[in-house]
């Protein structure tokens, strides 16, 4: 069977990936044809965008409603001082084009909501959750679970971070298998109140980018059915296995969440009261 045809420039650009037998020409071809949606172009989304652009992802969608602020610059490494005040999606598009003009970038200057997320994720092969709030995490999980879209979840706070990958397989747990409902507002610290070391976001975002490439190229073992916790203070990684919950409200044996319109994505992120 004739393999993929990569021109001279692409062979040179991606030579360090292609030379690895796990990737090779076929894996690189899959990366070049892939479509990835990054939801949140902040501390996690920045390294994700940077490394996926460099790796040659064919189409990258970027979703973010914010503009660049000076407080972003210590961890959101794709922005410059000159970008302060600009829409993040516009600055991110320019950043990608400067790294790799091969990558097609589609931008969505909006917030993910129940009335738009299904249309946003529809044409993409893989989704990355780079958001920083429970409402968006539950919404992304529910939309990807119902749509059978694989996605990567990441989170950071202070000196720690965590990563999980949900490959949209029937035997895989989902985010709600681990967190059935969101915690009460104000009970969990966030980066705005507790802070975060910028390089920690770089570590976790890079792991999410790696999981994306592994999924696309079908290599290695994903962080599936487990959660990896990173502690920068003692430079350690801990792995905890996660079992699929047979009583999960969305992926269990008798799911009660069958449509994201039935869920109130505020507070506990549970079914709307009728």
Protein backbone atom coordinates (compact mmCIF):
# COMPACT_ATOMS: atom_id res chain seq x y z
CA UNK A 1 0.00 0.00 0.00
CA UNK A 2 1.32 3.41 -0.94
CA UNK A 3 2.00 5.60 2.11
CA UNK A 4 1.15 9.27 2.62
CA UNK A 5 2.89 11.81 0.42
CA UNK A 6 4.72 14.45 2.46
CA UNK A 7 6.48 17.19 0.51
CA UNK A 8 10.10 18.15 1.19
CA UNK A 9 9.22 21.07 3.48
CA UNK A 10 6.92 18.95 5.65
CA UNK A 11 9.44 16.12 5.81
CA UNK A 12 12.02 18.59 7.09
CA UNK A 13 9.68 20.47 9.45
CA UNK A 14 8.33 17.34 11.13
CA UNK A 15 11.45 15.18 10.74
CA UNK A 16 11.95 14.73 14.51
CA UNK A 17 8.44 13.35 14.80
CA UNK A 18 8.46 11.28 11.62
CA UNK A 19 11.75 9.60 12.53
CA UNK A 20 10.12 7.99 15.57
CA UNK A 21 8.69 4.62 14.61
CA UNK A 22 5.62 5.19 16.79
CA UNK A 23 4.69 8.24 14.68
CA UNK A 24 6.28 7.72 11.27
CA UNK A 25 4.80 9.10 8.02
CA UNK A 26 1.35 7.63 8.71
CA UNK A 27 1.12 9.17 12.16
CA UNK A 28 2.26 12.54 10.85
CA UNK A 29 -0.29 12.30 8.06
CA UNK A 30 -3.00 11.69 10.67
CA UNK A 31 -1.84 14.75 12.62
CA UNK A 32 -1.88 16.90 9.48
CA UNK A 33 -5.45 15.79 8.73
CA UNK A 34 -6.74 16.18 12.29
CA UNK A 35 -9.14 18.77 13.64
CA UNK A 36 -8.73 19.79 17.27
CA UNK A 37 -10.83 22.22 19.34
CA UNK A 38 -9.17 24.08 22.21
CA UNK A 39 -11.70 25.50 24.66
CA UNK A 40 -9.98 28.19 26.68
CA UNK A 41 -6.87 30.01 25.43
CA UNK A 42 -5.44 30.74 28.86
CA UNK A 43 -2.79 29.13 31.05
CA UNK A 44 -3.53 25.60 29.83
CA UNK A 45 -4.66 26.49 26.34
CA UNK A 46 -1.49 28.47 25.60
CA UNK A 47 0.99 25.56 25.70
CA UNK A 48 -1.62 23.32 24.06
CA UNK A 49 -1.98 25.75 21.16
CA UNK A 50 1.78 26.22 20.88
CA UNK A 51 2.69 22.54 20.74
CA UNK A 52 -0.23 21.42 18.59
CA UNK A 53 0.58 24.15 16.07
CA UNK A 54 4.22 23.08 16.00
CA UNK A 55 3.27 19.41 15.62
CA UNK A 56 1.24 20.15 12.50
CA UNK A 57 -2.39 19.73 13.53
CA UNK A 58 -4.37 20.44 10.36
CA UNK A 59 -7.22 22.50 11.76
CA UNK A 60 -7.30 24.11 15.17
CA UNK A 61 -10.41 25.69 16.62
CA UNK A 62 -9.88 28.14 19.49
CA UNK A 63 -12.73 29.18 21.78
CA UNK A 64 -12.35 32.06 24.24
CA UNK A 65 -14.41 35.12 25.08
CA UNK A 66 -11.71 37.13 26.89
CA UNK A 67 -9.19 39.78 25.97
CA UNK A 68 -5.53 39.68 26.96
CA UNK A 69 -4.73 41.23 30.34
CA UNK A 70 -1.30 42.01 31.74
CA UNK A 71 -1.92 39.53 34.58
CA UNK A 72 -2.18 36.77 31.96
CA UNK A 73 1.37 37.16 30.71
CA UNK A 74 3.18 35.26 33.46
CA UNK A 75 1.59 31.94 32.42
CA UNK A 76 -0.21 32.45 29.09
CA UNK A 77 2.92 32.20 27.02
CA UNK A 78 1.49 32.80 23.55
CA UNK A 79 0.74 36.47 24.32
CA UNK A 80 3.00 39.52 24.40
CA UNK A 81 2.80 42.95 26.03
CA UNK A 82 1.61 44.30 22.67
CA UNK A 83 -1.40 41.95 22.82
CA UNK A 84 -2.87 43.43 26.00
CA UNK A 85 -6.41 44.54 25.20
CA UNK A 86 -6.75 42.34 22.11
CA UNK A 87 -9.14 39.42 21.82
CA UNK A 88 -7.31 36.28 22.86
CA UNK A 89 -8.56 34.34 19.86
CA UNK A 90 -7.15 36.96 17.48
CA UNK A 91 -3.75 37.02 19.21
CA UNK A 92 -3.72 33.21 19.32
CA UNK A 93 -4.46 32.98 15.59
CA UNK A 94 -1.55 35.30 14.84
CA UNK A 95 0.74 33.30 17.12
CA UNK A 96 -0.13 30.04 15.36
CA UNK A 97 0.40 31.51 11.90
CA UNK A 98 3.87 32.68 12.94
CA UNK A 99 4.79 29.19 14.13
CA UNK A 100 3.20 27.16 11.38
CA UNK A 101 1.25 28.75 8.51
CA UNK A 102 0.20 25.23 7.50
CA UNK A 103 -2.32 25.15 10.36
CA UNK A 104 -5.81 26.36 9.61
CA UNK A 105 -7.16 28.30 12.60
CA UNK A 106 -10.84 28.86 13.26
CA UNK A 107 -11.68 31.24 16.09
CA UNK A 108 -14.78 31.58 18.25
CA UNK A 109 -14.88 34.72 20.38
CA UNK A 110 -17.51 33.35 22.72
CA UNK A 111 -18.11 31.40 25.90
CA UNK A 112 -19.14 27.75 25.70
CA UNK A 113 -22.79 27.45 26.65
CA UNK A 114 -25.49 24.78 26.43
CA UNK A 115 -26.91 26.45 23.32
CA UNK A 116 -23.65 26.45 21.33
CA UNK A 117 -21.30 23.73 22.55
CA UNK A 118 -22.74 20.89 20.46
CA UNK A 119 -22.32 22.88 17.26
CA UNK A 120 -18.82 23.96 18.33
CA UNK A 121 -17.50 20.44 18.90
CA UNK A 122 -19.36 18.77 16.06
CA UNK A 123 -16.71 18.84 13.33
CA UNK A 124 -13.66 18.31 15.54
CA UNK A 125 -11.87 15.00 16.19
CA UNK A 126 -10.62 15.86 19.67
CA UNK A 127 -11.50 18.48 22.29
CA UNK A 128 -9.27 20.06 24.94
CA UNK A 129 -10.78 21.50 28.10
CA UNK A 130 -8.58 24.42 29.10
CA UNK A 131 -11.25 26.21 31.15
CA UNK A 132 -11.02 27.17 34.79
CA UNK A 133 -14.48 26.69 36.25
CA UNK A 134 -16.67 23.74 37.20
CA UNK A 135 -19.63 24.83 35.10
CA UNK A 136 -17.60 24.65 31.88
CA UNK A 137 -15.94 21.38 32.93
CA UNK A 138 -19.31 19.67 33.45
CA UNK A 139 -20.72 21.16 30.26
CA UNK A 140 -17.76 20.01 28.17
CA UNK A 141 -17.88 16.54 29.71
CA UNK A 142 -21.60 16.17 29.09
CA UNK A 143 -21.43 17.44 25.51
CA UNK A 144 -18.45 15.23 24.62
CA UNK A 145 -19.94 12.19 26.36
CA UNK A 146 -23.28 12.53 24.58
CA UNK A 147 -21.56 13.27 21.24
CA UNK A 148 -18.96 10.52 21.72
CA UNK A 149 -16.08 12.96 21.30
CA UNK A 150 -12.73 12.19 22.97
CA UNK A 151 -11.34 14.99 25.11
CA UNK A 152 -8.60 15.96 27.55
CA UNK A 153 -9.23 17.61 30.92
CA UNK A 154 -6.63 19.60 32.81
CA UNK A 155 -6.58 21.80 35.90
CA UNK A 156 -3.99 23.80 37.81
CA UNK A 157 -3.82 25.60 41.15
CA UNK A 158 -0.82 27.02 42.99
CA UNK A 159 1.94 24.39 42.66
CA UNK A 160 -0.22 21.48 41.50
CA UNK A 161 -2.12 20.23 38.48
CA UNK A 162 -4.02 17.24 37.17
CA UNK A 163 -4.71 15.57 33.85
CA UNK A 164 -7.29 13.06 32.63
CA UNK A 165 -8.22 11.87 29.14
CA UNK A 166 -11.67 10.64 28.21
CA UNK A 167 -11.47 8.67 24.93
CA UNK A 168 -15.24 8.33 24.36
CA UNK A 169 -15.21 4.58 24.87
CA UNK A 170 -18.10 2.74 26.47
CA UNK A 171 -15.80 1.19 29.09
CA UNK A 172 -14.18 4.49 30.05
CA UNK A 173 -15.29 6.61 33.03
CA UNK A 174 -16.30 10.21 32.43
CA UNK A 175 -15.79 13.35 34.50
CA UNK A 176 -19.08 12.77 36.32
CA UNK A 177 -17.90 9.31 37.39
CA UNK A 178 -15.34 11.19 39.49
CA UNK A 179 -17.32 14.33 40.31
CA UNK A 180 -21.06 13.71 40.25
CA UNK A 181 -21.91 17.34 41.01
CA UNK A 182 -20.05 20.62 41.31
CA UNK A 183 -19.02 21.81 44.79
CA UNK A 184 -20.93 24.71 46.38
CA UNK A 185 -19.76 28.12 45.12
CA UNK A 186 -16.96 29.60 47.19
CA UNK A 187 -15.81 26.30 48.71
CA UNK A 188 -13.00 25.64 46.23
CA UNK A 189 -10.04 27.96 45.67
CA UNK A 190 -9.24 29.20 42.17
CA UNK A 191 -6.21 30.74 40.51
CA UNK A 192 -7.55 34.27 40.85
CA UNK A 193 -7.71 33.95 44.65
CA UNK A 194 -5.02 31.37 45.45
CA UNK A 195 -2.57 31.90 42.57
CA UNK A 196 -0.72 29.52 40.28
CA UNK A 197 2.89 29.06 39.25
CA UNK A 198 3.05 29.79 35.54
CA UNK A 199 5.35 26.89 34.73
CA UNK A 200 2.87 24.44 36.33
CA UNK A 201 0.31 25.47 33.73
CA UNK A 202 2.99 24.82 31.13
CA UNK A 203 3.56 21.28 32.41
CA UNK A 204 -0.13 20.35 32.49
CA UNK A 205 -0.91 22.01 29.15
CA UNK A 206 2.02 20.20 27.54
CA UNK A 207 0.67 16.91 28.90
CA UNK A 208 -2.72 17.69 27.37
CA UNK A 209 -1.09 18.44 24.02
CA UNK A 210 0.79 15.13 24.24
CA UNK A 211 -2.41 13.23 24.99
CA UNK A 212 -4.02 14.87 21.97
CA UNK A 213 -1.23 13.82 19.63
CA UNK A 214 -1.20 10.28 21.04
CA UNK A 215 -4.93 9.98 20.46
CA UNK A 216 -4.69 11.29 16.90
CA UNK A 217 -1.70 9.15 15.95
CA UNK A 218 -3.06 6.16 17.90
CA UNK A 219 0.14 5.56 19.87
CA UNK A 220 0.94 4.80 23.49
CA UNK A 221 -1.41 4.58 26.45
CA UNK A 222 -3.71 7.48 27.25
CA UNK A 223 -4.41 8.78 30.75
CA UNK A 224 -7.69 6.89 30.58
CA UNK A 225 -9.38 5.40 33.61
CA UNK A 226 -6.92 7.22 35.84
CA UNK A 227 -5.97 10.68 37.01
CA UNK A 228 -2.42 12.00 37.16
CA UNK A 229 -1.70 14.57 39.89
CA UNK A 230 1.41 16.73 39.61
CA UNK A 231 3.04 18.41 42.62
CA UNK A 232 5.73 20.89 41.66
CA UNK A 233 6.85 21.54 45.25
CA UNK A 234 8.28 18.04 45.64
CA UNK A 235 8.40 17.33 41.89
CA UNK A 236 6.23 14.23 42.04
CA UNK A 237 3.49 12.59 40.01
CA UNK A 238 0.79 10.46 41.60
CA UNK A 239 -1.56 8.20 39.67
CA UNK A 240 -4.99 7.18 40.90
CA UNK A 241 -7.16 4.68 39.09
CA UNK A 242 -10.77 5.69 38.35
CA UNK A 243 -13.49 3.14 37.78
CA UNK A 244 -16.52 3.70 35.62
CA UNK A 245 -19.47 4.42 37.89
CA UNK A 246 -22.42 2.18 36.92
CA UNK A 247 -24.70 4.78 38.53
CA UNK A 248 -23.16 7.75 36.71
CA UNK A 249 -25.97 10.13 35.70
CA UNK A 250 -24.70 10.42 32.11
CA UNK A 251 -22.61 7.34 31.21
CA UNK A 252 -23.98 4.77 33.65
CA UNK A 253 -26.29 1.84 33.03
CA UNK A 254 -29.43 3.94 33.44
CA UNK A 255 -28.43 7.55 32.64
CA UNK A 256 -30.75 10.38 33.61
CA UNK A 257 -28.87 13.04 31.61
CA UNK A 258 -29.77 12.49 27.98
CA UNK A 259 -29.67 16.09 26.75
CA UNK A 260 -27.52 18.97 27.95
CA UNK A 261 -30.59 21.20 27.78
CA UNK A 262 -31.94 19.25 30.74
CA UNK A 263 -29.04 20.34 32.98
CA UNK A 264 -28.67 23.59 34.92
CA UNK A 265 -25.00 24.50 34.44
CA UNK A 266 -24.80 26.67 37.52
CA UNK A 267 -24.50 25.63 41.13
CA UNK A 268 -24.31 21.84 41.39
CA UNK A 269 -24.63 21.31 37.60
CA UNK A 270 -27.51 18.84 37.97
CA UNK A 271 -30.83 18.29 36.23
CA UNK A 272 -33.17 21.24 36.06
CA UNK A 273 -36.11 21.12 38.41
CA UNK A 274 -39.39 20.61 36.66
